[in-house]
PDB file of all heavy atoms in Angstrom:
ATOM      1  N   GLY A   1       0.797  -1.217  -0.001  1.00  0.00           N
ATOM      2  CA  GLY A   1       0.001   0.001  -0.005  1.00  0.00           C
ATOM      3  C   GLY A   1       0.831   1.265   0.003  1.00  0.00           C
ATOM      4  O   GLY A   1       1.979   1.284  -0.451  1.00  0.00           O
ATOM      5  N   LEU A   2       0.245   2.331   0.536  1.00  0.00           N
ATOM      6  CA  LEU A   2       0.886   3.636   0.488  1.00  0.00           C
ATOM      7  C   LEU A   2       2.121   3.761   1.374  1.00  0.00           C
ATOM      8  O   LEU A   2       2.893   4.692   1.218  1.00  0.00           O
ATOM      9  CB  LEU A   2      -0.129   4.724   0.871  1.00  0.00           C
ATOM     10  CG  LEU A   2      -1.266   4.930  -0.125  1.00  0.00           C
ATOM     11  CD1 LEU A   2      -2.246   5.965   0.398  1.00  0.00           C
ATOM     12  CD2 LEU A   2      -0.734   5.326  -1.494  1.00  0.00           C
ATOM     13  N   GLU A   3       2.284   2.847   2.334  1.00  0.00           N
ATOM     14  CA  GLU A   3       3.492   2.900   3.170  1.00  0.00           C
ATOM     15  C   GLU A   3       4.738   2.551   2.375  1.00  0.00           C
ATOM     16  O   GLU A   3       5.813   3.010   2.673  1.00  0.00           O
ATOM     17  CB  GLU A   3       3.366   1.938   4.362  1.00  0.00           C
ATOM     18  CG  GLU A   3       2.310   2.328   5.370  1.00  0.00           C
ATOM     19  CD  GLU A   3       0.904   1.886   4.949  1.00  0.00           C
ATOM     20  OE1 GLU A   3       0.787   0.940   4.151  1.00  0.00           O
ATOM     21  OE2 GLU A   3      -0.048   2.496   5.426  1.00  0.00           O
ATOM     22  N   GLY A   4       4.580   1.692   1.363  1.00  0.00           N
ATOM     23  CA  GLY A   4       5.713   1.245   0.581  1.00  0.00           C
ATOM     24  C   GLY A   4       5.940   2.110  -0.643  1.00  0.00           C
ATOM     25  O   GLY A   4       5.183   3.010  -0.934  1.00  0.00           O
ATOM     26  N   GLY A   5       7.035   1.801  -1.344  1.00  0.00           N
ATOM     27  CA  GLY A   5       7.330   2.516  -2.574  1.00  0.00           C
ATOM     28  C   GLY A   5       8.796   2.848  -2.696  1.00  0.00           C
ATOM     29  O   GLY A   5       9.635   2.320  -1.978  1.00  0.00           O
ATOM     30  N   VAL A   6       9.084   3.752  -3.642  1.00  0.00           N
ATOM     31  CA  VAL A   6      10.443   4.203  -3.902  1.00  0.00           C
ATOM     32  C   VAL A   6      10.578   5.615  -3.333  1.00  0.00           C
ATOM     33  O   VAL A   6       9.777   6.486  -3.650  1.00  0.00           O
ATOM     34  CB  VAL A   6      10.743   4.187  -5.411  1.00  0.00           C
ATOM     35  CG1 VAL A   6      12.134   4.744  -5.702  1.00  0.00           C
ATOM     36  CG2 VAL A   6      10.607   2.765  -5.965  1.00  0.00           C
ATOM     37  N   PHE A   7      11.599   5.828  -2.515  1.00  0.00           N
ATOM     38  CA  PHE A   7      11.772   7.102  -1.828  1.00  0.00           C
ATOM     39  C   PHE A   7      13.177   7.647  -2.056  1.00  0.00           C
ATOM     40  O   PHE A   7      14.146   6.898  -2.160  1.00  0.00           O
ATOM     41  CB  PHE A   7      11.539   6.938  -0.323  1.00  0.00           C
ATOM     42  CG  PHE A   7      10.137   6.532  -0.002  1.00  0.00           C
ATOM     43  CD1 PHE A   7       9.799   5.192   0.147  1.00  0.00           C
ATOM     44  CD2 PHE A   7       9.148   7.493   0.148  1.00  0.00           C
ATOM     45  CE1 PHE A   7       8.501   4.814   0.437  1.00  0.00           C
ATOM     46  CE2 PHE A   7       7.850   7.118   0.443  1.00  0.00           C
ATOM     47  CZ  PHE A   7       7.519   5.783   0.583  1.00  0.00           C
ATOM     48  N   VAL A   8      13.260   8.982  -2.124  1.00  0.00           N
ATOM     49  CA  VAL A   8      14.521   9.691  -2.321  1.00  0.00           C
ATOM     50  C   VAL A   8      14.624  10.758  -1.245  1.00  0.00           C
ATOM     51  O   VAL A   8      13.627  11.398  -0.899  1.00  0.00           O
ATOM     52  CB  VAL A   8      14.576  10.336  -3.722  1.00  0.00           C
ATOM     53  CG1 VAL A   8      15.814  11.183  -3.890  1.00  0.00           C
ATOM     54  CG2 VAL A   8      14.493   9.271  -4.806  1.00  0.00           C
ATOM     55  N   LEU A   9      15.828  10.943  -0.743  1.00  0.00           N
ATOM     56  CA  LEU A   9      16.069  11.916   0.335  1.00  0.00           C
ATOM     57  C   LEU A   9      17.482  12.443   0.199  1.00  0.00           C
ATOM     58  O   LEU A   9      18.412  11.667  -0.088  1.00  0.00           O
ATOM     59  CB  LEU A   9      15.892  11.218   1.684  1.00  0.00           C
ATOM     60  CG  LEU A   9      16.183  11.982   2.962  1.00  0.00           C
ATOM     61  CD1 LEU A   9      15.146  13.079   3.167  1.00  0.00           C
ATOM     62  CD2 LEU A   9      16.177  11.048   4.155  1.00  0.00           C
ATOM     63  N   TRP A  10      17.675  13.743   0.406  1.00  0.00           N
ATOM     64  CA  TRP A  10      19.026  14.305   0.436  1.00  0.00           C
ATOM     65  C   TRP A  10      19.582  14.123   1.830  1.00  0.00           C
ATOM     66  O   TRP A  10      18.915  14.376   2.829  1.00  0.00           O
ATOM     67  CB  TRP A  10      18.996  15.794   0.079  1.00  0.00           C
ATOM     68  CG  TRP A  10      20.389  16.354   0.061  1.00  0.00           C
ATOM     69  CD1 TRP A  10      20.974  17.116   1.018  1.00  0.00           C
ATOM     70  CD2 TRP A  10      21.360  16.167  -0.967  1.00  0.00           C
ATOM     71  NE1 TRP A  10      22.270  17.410   0.652  1.00  0.00           N
ATOM     72  CE2 TRP A  10      22.532  16.838  -0.560  1.00  0.00           C
ATOM     73  CE3 TRP A  10      21.369  15.484  -2.181  1.00  0.00           C
ATOM     74  CZ2 TRP A  10      23.692  16.853  -1.334  1.00  0.00           C
ATOM     75  CZ3 TRP A  10      22.523  15.500  -2.951  1.00  0.00           C
ATOM     76  CH2 TRP A  10      23.667  16.191  -2.518  1.00  0.00           C
ATOM     77  N   SER A  11      20.815  13.686   1.912  1.00  0.00           N
ATOM     78  CA  SER A  11      21.454  13.427   3.200  1.00  0.00           C
ATOM     79  C   SER A  11      22.767  14.200   3.314  1.00  0.00           C
ATOM     80  O   SER A  11      23.632  14.070   2.457  1.00  0.00           O
ATOM     81  CB  SER A  11      21.723  11.922   3.354  1.00  0.00           C
ATOM     82  OG  SER A  11      22.351  11.653   4.579  1.00  0.00           O
ATOM     83  N   VAL A  12      22.854  14.982   4.377  1.00  0.00           N
ATOM     84  CA  VAL A  12      24.112  15.683   4.664  1.00  0.00           C
ATOM     85  C   VAL A  12      24.965  14.784   5.549  1.00  0.00           C
ATOM     86  O   VAL A  12      24.485  13.761   6.061  1.00  0.00           O
ATOM     87  CB  VAL A  12      23.849  17.039   5.370  1.00  0.00           C
ATOM     88  CG1 VAL A  12      23.023  17.959   4.489  1.00  0.00           C
ATOM     89  CG2 VAL A  12      23.189  16.833   6.723  1.00  0.00           C
ATOM     90  N   ALA A  13      26.197  15.162   5.764  1.00  0.00           N
ATOM     91  CA  ALA A  13      27.084  14.400   6.639  1.00  0.00           C
ATOM     92  C   ALA A  13      26.489  14.329   8.044  1.00  0.00           C
ATOM     93  O   ALA A  13      25.867  15.283   8.527  1.00  0.00           O
ATOM     94  CB  ALA A  13      28.458  15.049   6.694  1.00  0.00           C
ATOM     95  N   HIS A  14      26.674  13.200   8.709  1.00  0.00           N
ATOM     96  CA  HIS A  14      26.142  13.003  10.053  1.00  0.00           C
ATOM     97  C   HIS A  14      26.639  14.090  11.002  1.00  0.00           C
ATOM     98  O   HIS A  14      25.885  14.583  11.829  1.00  0.00           O
ATOM     99  CB  HIS A  14      26.533  11.607  10.547  1.00  0.00           C
ATOM    100  CG  HIS A  14      26.095  11.335  11.949  1.00  0.00           C
ATOM    101  ND1 HIS A  14      24.777  11.110  12.275  1.00  0.00           N
ATOM    102  CD2 HIS A  14      26.798  11.284  13.105  1.00  0.00           C
ATOM    103  CE1 HIS A  14      24.679  10.934  13.582  1.00  0.00           C
ATOM    104  NE2 HIS A  14      25.898  11.014  14.099  1.00  0.00           N
ATOM    105  N   ASP A  15      27.920  14.464  10.889  1.00  0.00           N
ATOM    106  CA  ASP A  15      28.478  15.498  11.761  1.00  0.00           C
ATOM    107  C   ASP A  15      27.761  16.835  11.598  1.00  0.00           C
ATOM    108  O   ASP A  15      27.540  17.559  12.562  1.00  0.00           O
ATOM    109  CB  ASP A  15      29.969  15.680  11.496  1.00  0.00           C
ATOM    110  CG  ASP A  15      30.797  14.495  11.964  1.00  0.00           C
ATOM    111  OD1 ASP A  15      30.283  13.651  12.733  1.00  0.00           O
ATOM    112  OD2 ASP A  15      31.974  14.418  11.566  1.00  0.00           O
ATOM    113  N   PHE A  16      27.383  17.171  10.363  1.00  0.00           N
ATOM    114  CA  PHE A  16      26.677  18.414  10.086  1.00  0.00           C
ATOM    115  C   PHE A  16      25.276  18.376  10.710  1.00  0.00           C
ATOM    116  O   PHE A  16      24.849  19.323  11.374  1.00  0.00           O
ATOM    117  CB  PHE A  16      26.602  18.646   8.583  1.00  0.00           C
ATOM    118  CG  PHE A  16      25.942  19.918   8.151  1.00  0.00           C
ATOM    119  CD1 PHE A  16      25.957  21.064   8.922  1.00  0.00           C
ATOM    120  CD2 PHE A  16      25.314  19.978   6.900  1.00  0.00           C
ATOM    121  CE1 PHE A  16      25.359  22.241   8.492  1.00  0.00           C
ATOM    122  CE2 PHE A  16      24.705  21.136   6.469  1.00  0.00           C
ATOM    123  CZ  PHE A  16      24.729  22.282   7.266  1.00  0.00           C
ATOM    124  N   ALA A  17      24.572  17.262  10.535  1.00  0.00           N
ATOM    125  CA  ALA A  17      23.235  17.125  11.122  1.00  0.00           C
ATOM    126  C   ALA A  17      23.308  17.194  12.647  1.00  0.00           C
ATOM    127  O   ALA A  17      22.477  17.858  13.282  1.00  0.00           O
ATOM    128  CB  ALA A  17      22.598  15.813  10.666  1.00  0.00           C
ATOM    129  N   SER A  18      24.304  16.540  13.235  1.00  0.00           N
ATOM    130  CA  SER A  18      24.467  16.568  14.688  1.00  0.00           C
ATOM    131  C   SER A  18      24.782  17.968  15.185  1.00  0.00           C
ATOM    132  O   SER A  18      24.258  18.417  16.212  1.00  0.00           O
ATOM    133  CB  SER A  18      25.591  15.614  15.121  1.00  0.00           C
ATOM    134  OG  SER A  18      25.234  14.280  14.835  1.00  0.00           O
ATOM    135  N   ALA A  19      25.631  18.679  14.456  1.00  0.00           N
ATOM    136  CA  ALA A  19      25.972  20.060  14.835  1.00  0.00           C
ATOM    137  C   ALA A  19      24.746  20.966  14.761  1.00  0.00           C
ATOM    138  O   ALA A  19      24.569  21.851  15.598  1.00  0.00           O
ATOM    139  CB  ALA A  19      27.077  20.599  13.947  1.00  0.00           C
ATOM    140  N   ALA A  20      23.881  20.734  13.797  1.00  0.00           N
ATOM    141  CA  ALA A  20      22.649  21.533  13.666  1.00  0.00           C
ATOM    142  C   ALA A  20      21.736  21.308  14.864  1.00  0.00           C
ATOM    143  O   ALA A  20      21.193  22.261  15.441  1.00  0.00           O
ATOM    144  CB  ALA A  20      21.935  21.190  12.368  1.00  0.00           C
ATOM    145  N   ILE A  21      21.601  20.061  15.264  1.00  0.00           N
ATOM    146  CA  ILE A  21      20.769  19.732  16.435  1.00  0.00           C
ATOM    147  C   ILE A  21      21.359  20.359  17.701  1.00  0.00           C
ATOM    148  O   ILE A  21      20.651  20.965  18.493  1.00  0.00           O
ATOM    149  CB  ILE A  21      20.619  18.203  16.585  1.00  0.00           C
ATOM    150  CG1 ILE A  21      19.796  17.640  15.435  1.00  0.00           C
ATOM    151  CG2 ILE A  21      19.992  17.848  17.925  1.00  0.00           C
ATOM    152  CD1 ILE A  21      19.820  16.128  15.322  1.00  0.00           C
ATOM    153  N   GLU A  22      22.660  20.203  17.855  1.00  0.00           N
ATOM    154  CA  GLU A  22      23.340  20.759  19.038  1.00  0.00           C
ATOM    155  C   GLU A  22      23.213  22.269  19.092  1.00  0.00           C
ATOM    156  O   GLU A  22      22.931  22.852  20.149  1.00  0.00           O
ATOM    157  CB  GLU A  22      24.813  20.349  19.019  1.00  0.00           C
ATOM    158  CG  GLU A  22      25.566  20.762  20.254  1.00  0.00           C
ATOM    159  CD  GLU A  22      27.013  20.297  20.223  1.00  0.00           C
ATOM    160  OE1 GLU A  22      27.269  19.162  19.756  1.00  0.00           O
ATOM    161  OE2 GLU A  22      27.874  21.075  20.683  1.00  0.00           O
ATOM    162  N   SER A  23      23.370  22.918  17.948  1.00  0.00           N
ATOM    163  CA  SER A  23      23.264  24.382  17.935  1.00  0.00           C
ATOM    164  C   SER A  23      21.846  24.831  18.243  1.00  0.00           C
ATOM    165  O   SER A  23      21.640  25.840  18.933  1.00  0.00           O
ATOM    166  CB  SER A  23      23.732  24.960  16.590  1.00  0.00           C
ATOM    167  OG  SER A  23      22.810  24.675  15.571  1.00  0.00           O
ATOM    168  N   ALA A  24      20.852  24.077  17.804  1.00  0.00           N
ATOM    169  CA  ALA A  24      19.461  24.402  18.097  1.00  0.00           C
ATOM    170  C   ALA A  24      19.184  24.261  19.585  1.00  0.00           C
ATOM    171  O   ALA A  24      18.465  25.081  20.171  1.00  0.00           O
ATOM    172  CB  ALA A  24      18.522  23.515  17.296  1.00  0.00           C
ATOM    173  N   GLN A  25      19.752  23.235  20.198  1.00  0.00           N
ATOM    174  CA  GLN A  25      19.552  23.024  21.627  1.00  0.00           C
ATOM    175  C   GLN A  25      20.193  24.140  22.459  1.00  0.00           C
ATOM    176  O   GLN A  25      19.652  24.559  23.475  1.00  0.00           O
ATOM    177  CB  GLN A  25      20.119  21.672  22.052  1.00  0.00           C
ATOM    178  CG  GLN A  25      19.310  20.505  21.510  1.00  0.00           C
ATOM    179  CD  GLN A  25      20.009  19.169  21.710  1.00  0.00           C
ATOM    180  OE1 GLN A  25      21.230  19.085  21.901  1.00  0.00           O
ATOM    181  NE2 GLN A  25      19.228  18.094  21.639  1.00  0.00           N
ATOM    182  N   LYS A  26      21.342  24.639  21.999  1.00  0.00           N
ATOM    183  CA  LYS A  26      22.063  25.673  22.748  1.00  0.00           C
ATOM    184  C   LYS A  26      21.546  27.079  22.430  1.00  0.00           C
ATOM    185  O   LYS A  26      21.441  27.912  23.322  1.00  0.00           O
ATOM    186  CB  LYS A  26      23.552  25.609  22.420  1.00  0.00           C
ATOM    187  CG  LYS A  26      24.259  24.419  22.998  1.00  0.00           C
ATOM    188  CD  LYS A  26      25.724  24.452  22.624  1.00  0.00           C
ATOM    189  CE  LYS A  26      26.455  23.238  23.211  1.00  0.00           C
ATOM    190  NZ  LYS A  26      27.854  23.207  22.788  1.00  0.00           N
ATOM    191  N   GLU A  27      21.241  27.326  21.148  1.00  0.00           N
ATOM    192  CA  GLU A  27      20.947  28.690  20.705  1.00  0.00           C
ATOM    193  C   GLU A  27      19.522  28.897  20.211  1.00  0.00           C
ATOM    194  O   GLU A  27      19.159  30.021  19.875  1.00  0.00           O
ATOM    195  CB  GLU A  27      21.929  29.073  19.601  1.00  0.00           C
ATOM    196  CG  GLU A  27      23.381  28.967  19.998  1.00  0.00           C
ATOM    197  CD  GLU A  27      24.294  29.057  18.789  1.00  0.00           C
ATOM    198  OE1 GLU A  27      24.095  29.949  17.950  1.00  0.00           O
ATOM    199  OE2 GLU A  27      25.213  28.226  18.673  1.00  0.00           O
ATOM    200  N   GLY A  28      18.757  27.826  20.082  1.00  0.00           N
ATOM    201  CA  GLY A  28      17.388  27.968  19.577  1.00  0.00           C
ATOM    202  C   GLY A  28      17.307  27.928  18.056  1.00  0.00           C
ATOM    203  O   GLY A  28      18.294  27.653  17.366  1.00  0.00           O
ATOM    204  N   ASN A  29      16.132  28.245  17.564  1.00  0.00           N
ATOM    205  CA  ASN A  29      15.860  28.145  16.128  1.00  0.00           C
ATOM    206  C   ASN A  29      16.644  29.129  15.257  1.00  0.00           C
ATOM    207  O   ASN A  29      16.694  28.976  14.050  1.00  0.00           O
ATOM    208  CB  ASN A  29      14.359  28.330  15.860  1.00  0.00           C
ATOM    209  CG  ASN A  29      13.567  27.133  16.330  1.00  0.00           C
ATOM    210  OD1 ASN A  29      14.094  26.046  16.539  1.00  0.00           O
ATOM    211  ND2 ASN A  29      12.270  27.343  16.522  1.00  0.00           N
ATOM    212  N   LYS A  30      17.224  30.131  15.861  1.00  0.00           N
ATOM    213  CA  LYS A  30      17.985  31.145  15.089  1.00  0.00           C
ATOM    214  C   LYS A  30      19.464  30.800  14.968  1.00  0.00           C
ATOM    215  O   LYS A  30      20.235  31.559  14.384  1.00  0.00           O
ATOM    216  CB  LYS A  30      17.832  32.537  15.740  1.00  0.00           C
ATOM    217  CG  LYS A  30      16.419  33.025  15.802  1.00  0.00           C
ATOM    218  CD  LYS A  30      15.859  33.293  14.434  1.00  0.00           C
ATOM    219  CE  LYS A  30      14.448  33.840  14.551  1.00  0.00           C
ATOM    220  NZ  LYS A  30      13.753  33.891  13.308  1.00  0.00           N
ATOM    221  N   ALA A  31      19.866  29.665  15.495  1.00  0.00           N
ATOM    222  CA  ALA A  31      21.285  29.261  15.449  1.00  0.00           C
ATOM    223  C   ALA A  31      21.751  29.175  13.993  1.00  0.00           C
ATOM    224  O   ALA A  31      21.059  28.622  13.141  1.00  0.00           O
ATOM    225  CB  ALA A  31      21.469  27.922  16.146  1.00  0.00           C
ATOM    226  N   HIS A  32      22.935  29.723  13.742  1.00  0.00           N
ATOM    227  CA  HIS A  32      23.457  29.766  12.372  1.00  0.00           C
ATOM    228  C   HIS A  32      23.586  28.372  11.760  1.00  0.00           C
ATOM    229  O   HIS A  32      23.192  28.151  10.613  1.00  0.00           O
ATOM    230  CB  HIS A  32      24.816  30.475  12.331  1.00  0.00           C
ATOM    231  CG  HIS A  32      25.449  30.407  10.977  1.00  0.00           C
ATOM    232  ND1 HIS A  32      24.999  31.151   9.916  1.00  0.00           N
ATOM    233  CD2 HIS A  32      26.457  29.619  10.509  1.00  0.00           C
ATOM    234  CE1 HIS A  32      25.716  30.832   8.846  1.00  0.00           C
ATOM    235  NE2 HIS A  32      26.617  29.924   9.179  1.00  0.00           N
ATOM    236  N   THR A  33      24.138  27.418  12.490  1.00  0.00           N
ATOM    237  CA  THR A  33      24.341  26.072  11.948  1.00  0.00           C
ATOM    238  C   THR A  33      22.996  25.423  11.601  1.00  0.00           C
ATOM    239  O   THR A  33      22.872  24.783  10.559  1.00  0.00           O
ATOM    240  CB  THR A  33      25.129  25.194  12.941  1.00  0.00           C
ATOM    241  OG1 THR A  33      26.359  25.842  13.236  1.00  0.00           O
ATOM    242  CG2 THR A  33      25.420  23.820  12.356  1.00  0.00           C
ATOM    243  N   LEU A  34      22.003  25.635  12.444  1.00  0.00           N
ATOM    244  CA  LEU A  34      20.675  25.086  12.163  1.00  0.00           C
ATOM    245  C   LEU A  34      20.073  25.755  10.932  1.00  0.00           C
ATOM    246  O   LEU A  34      19.487  25.084  10.078  1.00  0.00           O
ATOM    247  CB  LEU A  34      19.758  25.287  13.363  1.00  0.00           C
ATOM    248  CG  LEU A  34      18.313  24.801  13.175  1.00  0.00           C
ATOM    249  CD1 LEU A  34      18.282  23.293  12.969  1.00  0.00           C
ATOM    250  CD2 LEU A  34      17.452  25.211  14.352  1.00  0.00           C
ATOM    251  N   GLN A  35      20.236  27.067  10.815  1.00  0.00           N
ATOM    252  CA  GLN A  35      19.734  27.785   9.643  1.00  0.00           C
ATOM    253  C   GLN A  35      20.419  27.297   8.370  1.00  0.00           C
ATOM    254  O   GLN A  35      19.753  27.097   7.344  1.00  0.00           O
ATOM    255  CB  GLN A  35      19.961  29.294   9.818  1.00  0.00           C
ATOM    256  CG  GLN A  35      19.182  29.924  10.955  1.00  0.00           C
ATOM    257  CD  GLN A  35      17.689  29.930  10.680  1.00  0.00           C
ATOM    258  OE1 GLN A  35      17.254  30.248   9.581  1.00  0.00           O
ATOM    259  NE2 GLN A  35      16.916  29.556  11.662  1.00  0.00           N
ATOM    260  N   HIS A  36      21.718  27.094   8.447  1.00  0.00           N
ATOM    261  CA  HIS A  36      22.458  26.600   7.278  1.00  0.00           C
ATOM    262  C   HIS A  36      21.998  25.184   6.897  1.00  0.00           C
ATOM    263  O   HIS A  36      21.791  24.890   5.725  1.00  0.00           O
ATOM    264  CB  HIS A  36      23.961  26.632   7.567  1.00  0.00           C
ATOM    265  CG  HIS A  36      24.807  26.178   6.422  1.00  0.00           C
ATOM    266  ND1 HIS A  36      24.718  26.720   5.162  1.00  0.00           N
ATOM    267  CD2 HIS A  36      25.756  25.209   6.354  1.00  0.00           C
ATOM    268  CE1 HIS A  36      25.573  26.090   4.362  1.00  0.00           C
ATOM    269  NE2 HIS A  36      26.202  25.174   5.058  1.00  0.00           N
ATOM    270  N   TYR A  37      21.828  24.338   7.887  1.00  0.00           N
ATOM    271  CA  TYR A  37      21.325  22.978   7.653  1.00  0.00           C
ATOM    272  C   TYR A  37      19.964  23.017   6.966  1.00  0.00           C
ATOM    273  O   TYR A  37      19.714  22.311   5.989  1.00  0.00           O
ATOM    274  CB  TYR A  37      21.240  22.219   8.985  1.00  0.00           C
ATOM    275  CG  TYR A  37      20.549  20.882   8.871  1.00  0.00           C
ATOM    276  CD1 TYR A  37      21.245  19.754   8.454  1.00  0.00           C
ATOM    277  CD2 TYR A  37      19.191  20.754   9.169  1.00  0.00           C
ATOM    278  CE1 TYR A  37      20.608  18.527   8.341  1.00  0.00           C
ATOM    279  CE2 TYR A  37      18.553  19.532   9.069  1.00  0.00           C
ATOM    280  CZ  TYR A  37      19.266  18.433   8.648  1.00  0.00           C
ATOM    281  OH  TYR A  37      18.623  17.221   8.524  1.00  0.00           O
TER     282      TYR A  37
END
């Protein structure tokens, strides 16, 4: 059904994604790294 299929997603480096999450936790939604991500 609709749960299955072919999916595409852009993936950044794990370190970049982690840094975005960390910056959001420390600085909120306006954090530069989160904005860049």
